[in-house]
């Protein structure tokens, strides 16, 4: 039995797992059902399995739909308004990226019982923990600002002053979150998920045609050709669909919901459903703006989401503009709730404070105070007059795309740590796929850096050269890995299902710190240095775009 405490959290009596907060042990009380702690019966029929899935559903679909937030709505709208359906092909490619990344997070949350920030700190040291949480804080805070920009633009369409709409939304978010009931919070979030489907009738308003949609989905291309501006938008699409905050939020939300390895497959289904819903919604938004503004004076002249609502009202009627504004408002609220909560989870993890929606405000003052503080400051910034709201929104999504590779690297390392995941570590094919995803993200980031520093460079040739370098690097890495594998090594024996379902990570204090080779240290420091340069150049590009509007 482990009775150690870390950073002031209380131990959980009678367990040798790493779960330290008693709020994270108990019945699963989901929005759509309850699973008792000691319910170990087999789910043999489809009815029993569907009831179990209903109780588990939540973290996966909320994190995915939450990423179709105000920044997502604006970015997809810009893609459709400025480039038609030519960028639709980017979105289906993100489905496997979403599933691969978040499936690893599912295992980490259910098996370890602790959040992403705490794992990075304990396994890689305080420096890398601060590096990750620092990046998360900057990006998440700016993202929360964009959510309140969305609230302002959405309700502004109906004539509501930002000095009323933004404070009201901020207060509502705090009240919903600080209710002391995980189930109540999750029910609110699932209502916002359902409202996300308003984008489907909105797309119907634009009278879409199947031919251009199918061509855009299947044939990669960029209307008007590739340049630094279009590359920035593609990276923004990636950044708003696959964002670093998702890793921190879903892992901690799984822990907070008390999901254990026994229910990993159900949470995987939850995550797959969420990824499909979010990409369908994104495609619908691109389609709406593509067909609504095609052959009009508004095509190619995106300003911000508020401008899209007004212009849809002019082209398709007031009902279409109002529906777009409601979609934007819903996206802003669920995005703000998820991103802010993910950030508060991370701070609770890193500093060892109580951080659970099962606790009341007085039981977790630091957790709820950090949530309320982030919401209040972000809302206040939006009330500053004459801020370049549209530019801030797109720049934040691109920043997420630039920072994602470093987050994915830590995720990959943790999912290969046998002391952390035991029988749940990554399989070789998953490591290969994840390495490919990280490589592609780095190539996109390098293209952004190069086109910002050298605006007249041929983007197509640059992309082909970097893709070739990536292929060679992956091939060399594969050869080196095969040489390191012992010749004639026997395959690992299959692990009994019952053992996998009951295995939990031991207390972190009992685990040995993994040793890093000199090559890994140099690689990680090179990556962090590159990210600093990339972020600086991204800011330069944002300023350049801002000066042209």
Protein backbone atom coordinates (compact mmCIF):
# COMPACT_ATOMS: atom_id res chain seq x y z
CA UNK A 1 0.00 0.00 0.00
CA UNK A 2 1.28 3.45 -0.88
CA UNK A 3 0.58 6.22 1.59
CA UNK A 4 3.05 8.75 0.21
CA UNK A 5 1.85 12.22 -0.63
CA UNK A 6 3.25 14.54 -3.24
CA UNK A 7 2.87 18.31 -3.31
CA UNK A 8 0.11 18.33 -0.73
CA UNK A 9 -2.35 15.99 -2.44
CA UNK A 10 -3.92 13.34 -0.27
CA UNK A 11 -3.21 9.65 -0.85
CA UNK A 12 -5.88 7.21 -1.87
CA UNK A 13 -6.18 4.53 0.76
CA UNK A 14 -5.90 0.92 -0.32
CA UNK A 15 -4.27 1.39 -3.72
CA UNK A 16 -0.82 0.97 -5.16
CA UNK A 17 -1.60 3.01 -8.26
CA UNK A 18 -0.37 6.55 -8.94
CA UNK A 19 -3.82 8.06 -8.35
CA UNK A 20 -3.26 10.48 -5.49
CA UNK A 21 -6.53 12.38 -5.24
CA UNK A 22 -9.48 10.50 -3.74
CA UNK A 23 -11.83 12.48 -6.01
CA UNK A 24 -10.43 10.45 -8.92
CA UNK A 25 -11.52 7.11 -7.43
CA UNK A 26 -15.13 5.94 -7.41
CA UNK A 27 -18.16 5.42 -9.61
CA UNK A 28 -18.11 6.71 -13.19
CA UNK A 29 -20.96 9.23 -13.18
CA UNK A 30 -21.25 10.28 -16.81
CA UNK A 31 -23.84 12.55 -18.36
CA UNK A 32 -25.69 9.57 -19.86
CA UNK A 33 -25.19 6.84 -17.27
CA UNK A 34 -23.38 5.45 -14.23
CA UNK A 35 -20.91 2.58 -13.83
CA UNK A 36 -20.31 1.45 -10.27
CA UNK A 37 -16.74 1.15 -9.03
CA UNK A 38 -17.06 -2.56 -8.27
CA UNK A 39 -19.04 -3.45 -11.39
CA UNK A 40 -16.73 -6.00 -13.04
CA UNK A 41 -19.38 -7.96 -14.93
CA UNK A 42 -18.81 -8.83 -18.58
CA UNK A 43 -20.71 -6.79 -21.19
CA UNK A 44 -21.79 -9.63 -23.45
CA UNK A 45 -24.81 -8.23 -25.28
CA UNK A 46 -25.00 -5.19 -27.54
CA UNK A 47 -27.49 -3.57 -25.18
CA UNK A 48 -25.12 -3.78 -22.22
CA UNK A 49 -22.23 -2.52 -24.35
CA UNK A 50 -24.23 0.45 -25.62
CA UNK A 51 -25.27 1.38 -22.08
CA UNK A 52 -21.62 1.22 -21.01
CA UNK A 53 -20.58 3.34 -23.99
CA UNK A 54 -23.26 5.89 -23.11
CA UNK A 55 -21.82 6.22 -19.61
CA UNK A 56 -18.25 6.54 -20.91
CA UNK A 57 -18.94 8.96 -23.79
CA UNK A 58 -17.77 12.47 -23.05
CA UNK A 59 -14.03 13.19 -22.92
CA UNK A 60 -13.39 12.14 -26.53
CA UNK A 61 -16.28 13.88 -28.24
CA UNK A 62 -15.99 17.01 -26.05
CA UNK A 63 -12.27 17.45 -26.74
CA UNK A 64 -12.82 17.04 -30.49
CA UNK A 65 -15.87 19.27 -30.87
CA UNK A 66 -14.28 21.75 -28.45
CA UNK A 67 -11.49 22.16 -30.97
CA UNK A 68 -14.02 23.33 -33.56
CA UNK A 69 -14.05 26.51 -31.51
CA UNK A 70 -14.25 30.19 -32.48
CA UNK A 71 -10.78 30.03 -34.03
CA UNK A 72 -11.78 26.91 -35.92
CA UNK A 73 -14.97 28.46 -37.27
CA UNK A 74 -13.04 31.54 -38.41
CA UNK A 75 -10.21 29.50 -39.96
CA UNK A 76 -12.54 27.15 -41.86
CA UNK A 77 -14.59 30.14 -42.98
CA UNK A 78 -11.48 31.86 -44.29
CA UNK A 79 -10.47 28.71 -46.15
CA UNK A 80 -13.86 28.54 -47.88
CA UNK A 81 -14.23 32.26 -48.55
CA UNK A 82 -10.70 32.80 -49.90
CA UNK A 83 -9.89 29.42 -51.48
CA UNK A 84 -13.25 27.79 -52.23
CA UNK A 85 -13.27 24.01 -51.82
CA UNK A 86 -9.61 23.66 -52.86
CA UNK A 87 -8.40 23.11 -49.26
CA UNK A 88 -10.99 20.51 -48.27
CA UNK A 89 -8.43 17.74 -48.82
CA UNK A 90 -6.52 18.86 -45.72
CA UNK A 91 -9.37 17.93 -43.35
CA UNK A 92 -9.79 14.17 -44.02
CA UNK A 93 -6.02 13.77 -43.65
CA UNK A 94 -6.36 15.04 -40.09
CA UNK A 95 -8.73 12.23 -39.00
CA UNK A 96 -5.94 9.63 -38.52
CA UNK A 97 -3.75 12.28 -36.87
CA UNK A 98 -6.51 13.08 -34.39
CA UNK A 99 -7.23 9.42 -33.66
CA UNK A 100 -3.56 8.41 -33.29
CA UNK A 101 -2.69 11.32 -30.97
CA UNK A 102 -5.75 11.11 -28.77
CA UNK A 103 -5.77 7.30 -28.57
CA UNK A 104 -2.35 7.50 -26.93
CA UNK A 105 -3.75 10.07 -24.51
CA UNK A 106 -6.65 7.73 -23.74
CA UNK A 107 -4.22 5.01 -22.63
CA UNK A 108 -2.09 7.42 -20.63
CA UNK A 109 -5.08 8.77 -18.73
CA UNK A 110 -6.79 5.44 -17.99
CA UNK A 111 -3.61 3.53 -17.10
CA UNK A 112 -1.67 6.15 -15.12
CA UNK A 113 -4.48 7.96 -13.31
CA UNK A 114 -2.58 11.27 -13.53
CA UNK A 115 -2.53 14.16 -15.96
CA UNK A 116 -0.21 14.90 -18.87
CA UNK A 117 1.62 17.79 -17.20
CA UNK A 118 2.48 15.73 -14.13
CA UNK A 119 3.83 12.86 -16.21
CA UNK A 120 6.13 15.17 -18.19
CA UNK A 121 7.40 16.81 -15.01
CA UNK A 122 8.02 13.54 -13.16
CA UNK A 123 9.48 11.55 -16.06
CA UNK A 124 11.57 14.23 -17.83
CA UNK A 125 12.32 16.74 -15.09
CA UNK A 126 11.16 20.16 -13.99
CA UNK A 127 12.80 21.99 -16.94
CA UNK A 128 10.85 20.09 -19.58
CA UNK A 129 7.73 20.24 -17.42
CA UNK A 130 8.00 24.03 -17.26
CA UNK A 131 8.76 24.15 -20.99
CA UNK A 132 5.61 22.19 -21.84
CA UNK A 133 3.31 23.91 -19.37
CA UNK A 134 4.75 27.33 -20.32
CA UNK A 135 4.02 26.70 -24.00
CA UNK A 136 0.56 25.48 -23.05
CA UNK A 137 -0.17 28.55 -20.92
CA UNK A 138 0.79 31.04 -23.65
CA UNK A 139 -1.08 29.20 -26.39
CA UNK A 140 -4.14 28.41 -24.28
CA UNK A 141 -4.46 31.94 -22.94
CA UNK A 142 -4.38 33.38 -26.47
CA UNK A 143 -6.86 30.72 -27.55
CA UNK A 144 -9.24 31.66 -24.74
CA UNK A 145 -9.00 35.27 -25.92
CA UNK A 146 -10.14 34.14 -29.38
CA UNK A 147 -13.11 32.34 -27.81
CA UNK A 148 -14.34 35.59 -26.30
CA UNK A 149 -13.67 37.33 -29.60
CA UNK A 150 -16.07 34.75 -31.03
CA UNK A 151 -18.68 35.53 -28.38
CA UNK A 152 -18.40 39.25 -29.18
CA UNK A 153 -18.68 38.75 -32.94
CA UNK A 154 -21.54 36.23 -32.65
CA UNK A 155 -23.78 38.25 -30.36
CA UNK A 156 -22.69 41.46 -32.09
CA UNK A 157 -24.60 40.19 -35.13
CA UNK A 158 -27.79 40.49 -33.06
CA UNK A 159 -26.83 43.96 -31.83
CA UNK A 160 -25.66 42.92 -28.35
CA UNK A 161 -22.83 45.07 -27.00
CA UNK A 162 -19.56 43.30 -26.21
CA UNK A 163 -19.65 44.96 -22.79
CA UNK A 164 -22.72 42.83 -22.08
CA UNK A 165 -22.08 39.63 -24.04
CA UNK A 166 -18.47 38.97 -23.03
CA UNK A 167 -18.87 39.43 -19.23
CA UNK A 168 -22.12 37.40 -19.32
CA UNK A 169 -20.41 34.53 -21.16
CA UNK A 170 -17.45 34.63 -18.76
CA UNK A 171 -19.73 34.48 -15.73
CA UNK A 172 -21.77 31.65 -17.23
CA UNK A 173 -18.64 29.58 -17.88
CA UNK A 174 -17.47 29.94 -14.29
CA UNK A 175 -20.89 29.04 -12.87
CA UNK A 176 -21.23 25.92 -15.09
CA UNK A 177 -17.72 24.70 -14.24
CA UNK A 178 -17.65 25.43 -10.51
CA UNK A 179 -20.88 23.58 -9.74
CA UNK A 180 -19.04 20.76 -7.94
CA UNK A 181 -20.62 18.09 -10.14
CA UNK A 182 -18.75 16.36 -12.97
CA UNK A 183 -22.01 14.93 -14.33
CA UNK A 184 -23.69 18.37 -14.44
CA UNK A 185 -20.71 19.89 -16.25
CA UNK A 186 -20.60 17.04 -18.78
CA UNK A 187 -24.31 17.36 -19.52
CA UNK A 188 -23.84 21.04 -20.31
CA UNK A 189 -20.94 20.20 -22.61
CA UNK A 190 -22.92 17.52 -24.48
CA UNK A 191 -25.70 20.07 -25.10
CA UNK A 192 -23.10 22.26 -26.82
CA UNK A 193 -21.92 19.22 -28.79
CA UNK A 194 -25.47 18.66 -30.09
CA UNK A 195 -25.78 22.35 -31.00
CA UNK A 196 -22.61 21.94 -33.09
CA UNK A 197 -24.76 20.13 -35.70
CA UNK A 198 -26.45 23.44 -36.60
CA UNK A 199 -23.63 23.72 -39.13
CA UNK A 200 -25.37 21.08 -41.31
CA UNK A 201 -28.52 23.12 -42.11
CA UNK A 202 -26.23 26.14 -42.50
CA UNK A 203 -24.36 24.33 -45.25
CA UNK A 204 -27.69 23.46 -46.93
CA UNK A 205 -28.51 27.19 -47.06
CA UNK A 206 -25.50 27.73 -49.36
CA UNK A 207 -26.86 25.33 -52.03
CA UNK A 208 -23.69 23.18 -52.28
CA UNK A 209 -22.85 21.07 -55.35
CA UNK A 210 -21.35 17.62 -55.06
CA UNK A 211 -18.80 17.93 -57.90
CA UNK A 212 -16.56 20.67 -56.42
CA UNK A 213 -16.84 19.12 -52.95
CA UNK A 214 -15.69 15.68 -54.09
CA UNK A 215 -12.88 17.23 -56.15
CA UNK A 216 -11.75 19.32 -53.18
CA UNK A 217 -11.73 16.31 -50.88
CA UNK A 218 -9.87 13.97 -53.23
CA UNK A 219 -7.52 16.23 -55.24
CA UNK A 220 -4.91 18.20 -53.26
CA UNK A 221 -4.44 21.74 -54.49
CA UNK A 222 -4.52 25.41 -53.55
CA UNK A 223 -6.62 27.88 -55.53
CA UNK A 224 -4.26 30.56 -56.85
CA UNK A 225 -1.16 28.48 -56.12
CA UNK A 226 0.97 27.92 -53.03
CA UNK A 227 2.53 30.90 -51.28
CA UNK A 228 3.43 31.90 -47.73
CA UNK A 229 -0.10 33.16 -47.00
CA UNK A 230 -1.83 29.96 -48.15
CA UNK A 231 0.74 27.84 -46.29
CA UNK A 232 0.04 29.86 -43.13
CA UNK A 233 -3.67 29.10 -43.54
CA UNK A 234 -3.05 25.37 -44.03
CA UNK A 235 -0.94 25.29 -40.88
CA UNK A 236 -3.73 27.21 -39.12
CA UNK A 237 -6.21 24.52 -40.25
CA UNK A 238 -3.93 21.84 -38.81
CA UNK A 239 -3.39 23.87 -35.62
CA UNK A 240 -7.08 24.48 -35.01
CA UNK A 241 -8.03 20.84 -35.67
CA UNK A 242 -5.11 19.14 -33.87
CA UNK A 243 -4.06 21.36 -30.95
CA UNK A 244 -1.66 20.74 -28.02
CA UNK A 245 -4.28 21.58 -25.38
CA UNK A 246 -6.26 18.51 -26.47
CA UNK A 247 -3.57 16.21 -25.05
CA UNK A 248 -3.67 17.83 -21.62
CA UNK A 249 -7.46 18.17 -21.49
CA UNK A 250 -8.52 14.67 -22.52
CA UNK A 251 -5.99 12.87 -20.34
CA UNK A 252 -7.00 14.82 -17.23
CA UNK A 253 -10.70 14.62 -18.09
CA UNK A 254 -10.43 10.82 -18.36
CA UNK A 255 -8.75 10.74 -14.94
CA UNK A 256 -11.40 13.06 -13.51
CA UNK A 257 -14.19 10.87 -14.92
CA UNK A 258 -12.52 7.87 -13.24
CA UNK A 259 -12.13 5.81 -16.40
CA UNK A 260 -9.83 2.81 -15.89
CA UNK A 261 -8.08 0.42 -18.34
CA UNK A 262 -11.15 -1.80 -18.29
CA UNK A 263 -13.01 0.83 -20.35
CA UNK A 264 -10.24 1.92 -22.72
CA UNK A 265 -11.94 0.42 -25.78
CA UNK A 266 -15.13 2.37 -25.02
CA UNK A 267 -13.16 5.60 -24.68
CA UNK A 268 -11.44 4.81 -27.98
CA UNK A 269 -14.86 4.64 -29.64
CA UNK A 270 -15.77 7.95 -27.98
CA UNK A 271 -12.61 9.47 -29.46
CA UNK A 272 -13.19 8.10 -32.98
CA UNK A 273 -16.77 9.39 -32.99
CA UNK A 274 -15.52 12.79 -31.87
CA UNK A 275 -12.86 12.96 -34.59
CA UNK A 276 -15.41 12.18 -37.30
CA UNK A 277 -17.90 14.72 -35.94
CA UNK A 278 -15.30 17.49 -35.79
CA UNK A 279 -14.01 16.91 -39.35
CA UNK A 280 -17.54 16.72 -40.79
CA UNK A 281 -18.36 20.00 -39.05
CA UNK A 282 -15.18 21.61 -40.37
CA UNK A 283 -15.94 20.47 -43.93
CA UNK A 284 -19.48 21.83 -43.64
CA UNK A 285 -18.13 25.24 -42.64
CA UNK A 286 -15.69 25.36 -45.57
CA UNK A 287 -18.46 24.29 -47.95
CA UNK A 288 -20.85 26.95 -46.60
CA UNK A 289 -18.47 29.84 -47.20
CA UNK A 290 -17.19 28.46 -50.48
CA UNK A 291 -20.60 28.26 -52.17
CA UNK A 292 -22.14 31.27 -50.44
CA UNK A 293 -19.37 33.66 -51.57
CA UNK A 294 -18.38 32.09 -54.89
CA UNK A 295 -18.75 34.61 -57.73
CA UNK A 296 -19.52 37.46 -55.31
CA UNK A 297 -17.58 40.56 -54.31
CA UNK A 298 -16.84 38.91 -50.95
CA UNK A 299 -14.87 35.98 -52.39
CA UNK A 300 -11.21 36.22 -51.40
CA UNK A 301 -11.81 39.01 -48.89
CA UNK A 302 -12.14 37.38 -45.48
CA UNK A 303 -12.00 39.80 -42.55
CA UNK A 304 -13.29 37.99 -39.46
CA UNK A 305 -16.14 35.71 -38.39
CA UNK A 306 -18.41 38.68 -37.72
CA UNK A 307 -17.94 39.82 -41.31
CA UNK A 308 -18.81 36.30 -42.50
CA UNK A 309 -22.10 36.39 -40.57
CA UNK A 310 -23.06 39.77 -42.00
CA UNK A 311 -22.10 38.81 -45.54
CA UNK A 312 -23.97 35.50 -45.31
CA UNK A 313 -27.01 37.52 -44.26
CA UNK A 314 -26.63 39.67 -47.38
CA UNK A 315 -26.11 36.75 -49.78
CA UNK A 316 -28.34 34.03 -48.32
CA UNK A 317 -30.77 35.90 -46.10
CA UNK A 318 -30.98 36.90 -42.44
CA UNK A 319 -31.72 33.33 -41.32
CA UNK A 320 -28.38 32.09 -42.68
CA UNK A 321 -26.48 34.93 -41.01
CA UNK A 322 -28.26 34.29 -37.71
CA UNK A 323 -27.57 30.55 -37.91
CA UNK A 324 -23.87 31.20 -38.55
CA UNK A 325 -23.77 33.54 -35.54
CA UNK A 326 -25.35 30.84 -33.35
CA UNK A 327 -22.83 28.25 -34.60
CA UNK A 328 -20.02 30.69 -33.78
CA UNK A 329 -21.44 31.41 -30.31
CA UNK A 330 -21.80 27.72 -29.50
CA UNK A 331 -18.27 27.00 -30.75
CA UNK A 332 -16.87 29.86 -28.65
CA UNK A 333 -18.50 28.68 -25.43
CA UNK A 334 -17.55 25.00 -25.69
CA UNK A 335 -14.05 25.98 -26.82
CA UNK A 336 -13.56 28.38 -23.92
CA UNK A 337 -14.87 25.80 -21.43
CA UNK A 338 -12.61 23.00 -22.69
CA UNK A 339 -9.42 25.02 -23.22
CA UNK A 340 -9.66 26.83 -19.89
CA UNK A 341 -10.43 23.63 -18.02
CA UNK A 342 -7.51 21.86 -19.74
CA UNK A 343 -5.19 24.65 -18.62
CA UNK A 344 -6.47 24.53 -15.04
CA UNK A 345 -6.07 20.74 -15.02
CA UNK A 346 -2.44 21.17 -16.15
CA UNK A 347 -1.66 23.69 -13.40
CA UNK A 348 -3.26 21.47 -10.78
CA UNK A 349 -1.17 18.57 -12.08
CA UNK A 350 2.08 20.49 -12.16
CA UNK A 351 1.75 22.20 -8.77
CA UNK A 352 0.01 19.35 -6.96
CA UNK A 353 -3.24 21.17 -6.15
CA UNK A 354 -6.65 19.49 -6.02
CA UNK A 355 -8.11 19.63 -9.53
CA UNK A 356 -11.39 17.82 -9.99
CA UNK A 357 -14.88 18.77 -11.11
CA UNK A 358 -16.13 16.39 -8.39
CA UNK A 359 -14.88 18.87 -5.78
CA UNK A 360 -16.70 22.02 -4.71
CA UNK A 361 -15.12 25.46 -4.94
CA UNK A 362 -14.07 25.36 -1.29
CA UNK A 363 -12.48 21.92 -1.72
CA UNK A 364 -10.40 23.01 -4.75
CA UNK A 365 -10.02 26.79 -4.48
CA UNK A 366 -6.78 26.95 -6.47
CA UNK A 367 -8.24 24.92 -9.33
CA UNK A 368 -11.39 26.99 -9.70
CA UNK A 369 -9.61 30.28 -9.01
CA UNK A 370 -7.14 29.64 -11.83
CA UNK A 371 -10.07 28.82 -14.12
CA UNK A 372 -11.94 32.00 -13.18
CA UNK A 373 -8.76 34.09 -13.46
CA UNK A 374 -7.98 32.88 -16.98
CA UNK A 375 -11.55 33.53 -18.07
CA UNK A 376 -11.66 37.00 -16.52
CA UNK A 377 -8.34 38.24 -17.97
CA UNK A 378 -9.06 36.84 -21.44
CA UNK A 379 -12.50 38.44 -21.45
CA UNK A 380 -11.04 41.78 -20.35
CA UNK A 381 -8.54 41.79 -23.23
CA UNK A 382 -11.35 41.37 -25.76
CA UNK A 383 -12.98 44.54 -24.43
CA UNK A 384 -9.94 46.61 -25.49
CA UNK A 385 -11.03 48.80 -28.45
CA UNK A 386 -9.62 48.43 -31.99
CA UNK A 387 -7.85 45.09 -31.45
CA UNK A 388 -7.16 43.22 -34.77
CA UNK A 389 -9.53 40.39 -33.85
CA UNK A 390 -9.53 38.43 -37.12
CA UNK A 391 -5.73 38.49 -37.38
CA UNK A 392 -5.29 37.37 -33.76
CA UNK A 393 -7.63 34.44 -34.35
CA UNK A 394 -5.80 33.05 -37.38
CA UNK A 395 -2.34 33.68 -35.88
CA UNK A 396 -3.26 31.69 -32.74
CA UNK A 397 -4.30 28.67 -34.82
CA UNK A 398 -1.02 28.80 -36.77
CA UNK A 399 0.89 29.03 -33.47
CA UNK A 400 -0.84 25.83 -32.35
CA UNK A 401 0.35 24.13 -35.54
CA UNK A 402 3.94 25.25 -34.92
CA UNK A 403 3.98 24.09 -31.27
CA UNK A 404 2.25 20.76 -31.89
CA UNK A 405 5.41 18.77 -32.86
CA UNK A 406 7.04 19.27 -29.45
CA UNK A 407 3.86 18.16 -27.67
CA UNK A 408 3.66 15.10 -29.93
CA UNK A 409 7.30 14.19 -29.16
CA UNK A 410 6.64 14.08 -25.39
CA UNK A 411 3.48 12.07 -26.04
CA UNK A 412 5.43 9.51 -28.08
CA UNK A 413 8.15 9.21 -25.42
CA UNK A 414 5.62 8.68 -22.63
CA UNK A 415 3.77 6.01 -24.62
CA UNK A 416 7.02 4.03 -24.97
CA UNK A 417 7.86 4.25 -21.26
CA UNK A 418 7.24 0.75 -19.86
CA UNK A 419 7.29 1.94 -16.26
CA UNK A 420 4.45 4.30 -17.12
CA UNK A 421 2.27 2.13 -19.38
CA UNK A 422 3.48 -1.42 -18.72
CA UNK A 423 1.56 -3.75 -21.08
CA UNK A 424 -0.11 -0.74 -22.73
CA UNK A 425 3.01 0.72 -24.41
CA UNK A 426 2.90 1.57 -28.11
CA UNK A 427 3.22 -1.17 -30.69
CA UNK A 428 6.00 -0.72 -33.31
CA UNK A 429 3.58 0.15 -36.13
CA UNK A 430 2.03 2.90 -33.99
CA UNK A 431 5.49 4.33 -33.24
CA UNK A 432 6.23 4.38 -36.97
CA UNK A 433 2.94 6.12 -37.78
CA UNK A 434 3.37 8.67 -34.98
CA UNK A 435 6.94 9.42 -36.09
CA UNK A 436 5.62 10.04 -39.61
CA UNK A 437 2.98 12.43 -38.26
CA UNK A 438 5.57 14.36 -36.25
CA UNK A 439 7.81 14.53 -39.31
CA UNK A 440 5.02 15.94 -41.47
CA UNK A 441 4.18 18.54 -38.81
CA UNK A 442 7.82 19.60 -38.66
CA UNK A 443 7.96 19.89 -42.47
CA UNK A 444 4.91 22.17 -42.44
CA UNK A 445 6.47 24.26 -39.71
CA UNK A 446 9.74 24.52 -41.68
CA UNK A 447 7.84 25.64 -44.78
CA UNK A 448 6.20 28.40 -42.74
CA UNK A 449 9.57 29.54 -41.36
CA UNK A 450 11.24 29.48 -44.78
CA UNK A 451 8.43 31.33 -46.57
CA UNK A 452 8.37 33.99 -43.86
CA UNK A 453 12.12 34.56 -44.01
CA UNK A 454 12.20 34.26 -47.83
CA UNK A 455 8.78 35.40 -49.15
CA UNK A 456 9.63 34.79 -52.82
CA UNK A 457 10.82 31.21 -52.42
CA UNK A 458 9.05 28.58 -54.57
CA UNK A 459 6.81 26.83 -52.05
CA UNK A 460 6.18 23.81 -54.27
CA UNK A 461 9.89 23.06 -54.77
CA UNK A 462 10.58 23.69 -51.08
CA UNK A 463 7.82 21.26 -50.08
CA UNK A 464 9.17 18.58 -52.42
CA UNK A 465 12.72 19.00 -51.11
CA UNK A 466 11.64 18.82 -47.47
CA UNK A 467 9.40 15.84 -48.20
CA UNK A 468 12.39 14.07 -49.77
CA UNK A 469 14.52 14.86 -46.73
CA UNK A 470 11.77 13.49 -44.48
CA UNK A 471 11.54 10.25 -46.47
CA UNK A 472 15.33 9.76 -46.30
CA UNK A 473 15.40 10.56 -42.56
CA UNK A 474 12.60 8.08 -41.85
CA UNK A 475 14.30 5.40 -43.95
CA UNK A 476 17.64 5.89 -42.17
CA UNK A 477 15.89 5.85 -38.79
CA UNK A 478 14.12 2.64 -39.69
CA UNK A 479 17.39 0.97 -40.71
CA UNK A 480 19.11 2.07 -37.50
CA UNK A 481 16.23 0.76 -35.40
CA UNK A 482 16.31 -2.60 -37.17
CA UNK A 483 20.08 -2.86 -36.58
CA UNK A 484 19.60 -2.17 -32.87
CA UNK A 485 17.04 -4.97 -32.58
CA UNK A 486 18.69 -8.22 -31.45
CA UNK A 487 18.90 -10.82 -34.21
CA UNK A 488 16.51 -13.72 -33.74
CA UNK A 489 14.75 -12.03 -30.84
CA UNK A 490 11.55 -13.86 -29.99
CA UNK A 491 8.26 -12.02 -30.17
CA UNK A 492 6.85 -10.97 -26.81
CA UNK A 493 4.29 -13.48 -25.48
CA UNK A 494 0.67 -12.31 -25.57
CA UNK A 495 -0.49 -10.55 -22.41
CA UNK A 496 -3.69 -11.89 -20.82
CA UNK A 497 -6.60 -9.46 -21.15
CA UNK A 498 -7.39 -9.61 -17.43
CA UNK A 499 -3.82 -8.53 -16.61
CA UNK A 500 -3.98 -5.59 -19.02
CA UNK A 501 -7.32 -4.42 -17.69
CA UNK A 502 -6.12 -4.43 -14.07
CA UNK A 503 -2.63 -2.96 -14.60
CA UNK A 504 -2.18 0.60 -13.29
CA UNK A 505 0.98 2.68 -13.11
CA UNK A 506 2.63 2.48 -9.65
CA UNK A 507 3.08 5.69 -7.62
CA UNK A 508 5.37 8.07 -9.50
CA UNK A 509 7.69 8.36 -6.51
CA UNK A 510 8.53 4.65 -6.88
CA UNK A 511 9.50 4.85 -10.56
CA UNK A 512 13.07 5.32 -11.72
CA UNK A 513 13.76 8.42 -13.80
CA UNK A 514 14.35 7.39 -17.45
CA UNK A 515 17.86 8.06 -18.70
CA UNK A 516 18.31 10.22 -21.80
CA UNK A 517 21.13 9.59 -24.23
CA UNK A 518 23.26 12.53 -25.34
CA UNK A 519 21.69 12.28 -28.79
CA UNK A 520 18.18 12.57 -27.36
CA UNK A 521 19.14 15.56 -25.21
CA UNK A 522 20.71 17.35 -28.19
CA UNK A 523 17.69 16.56 -30.35
CA UNK A 524 15.21 17.90 -27.79
CA UNK A 525 17.24 21.06 -27.21
CA UNK A 526 17.51 21.60 -30.96
CA UNK A 527 13.73 21.18 -31.26
CA UNK A 528 13.06 23.67 -28.47
CA UNK A 529 15.48 26.18 -30.03
CA UNK A 530 13.86 25.75 -33.42
CA UNK A 531 10.42 26.31 -31.93
CA UNK A 532 11.56 29.63 -30.47
CA UNK A 533 12.78 30.75 -33.92
CA UNK A 534 9.61 29.47 -35.60
CA UNK A 535 7.35 31.33 -33.16
CA UNK A 536 9.29 34.58 -33.66
CA UNK A 537 9.01 34.28 -37.44
CA UNK A 538 5.33 33.44 -37.13
CA UNK A 539 4.82 36.68 -35.23
CA UNK A 540 6.70 38.49 -38.01
CA UNK A 541 4.36 36.94 -40.58
CA UNK A 542 1.32 37.94 -38.53
CA UNK A 543 2.54 41.54 -38.35
CA UNK A 544 3.13 41.53 -42.11
CA UNK A 545 -0.41 40.34 -42.74
CA UNK A 546 -1.78 42.86 -40.26
CA UNK A 547 -0.07 45.75 -42.03
CA UNK A 548 -1.74 44.80 -45.33
CA UNK A 549 -5.30 44.97 -43.94
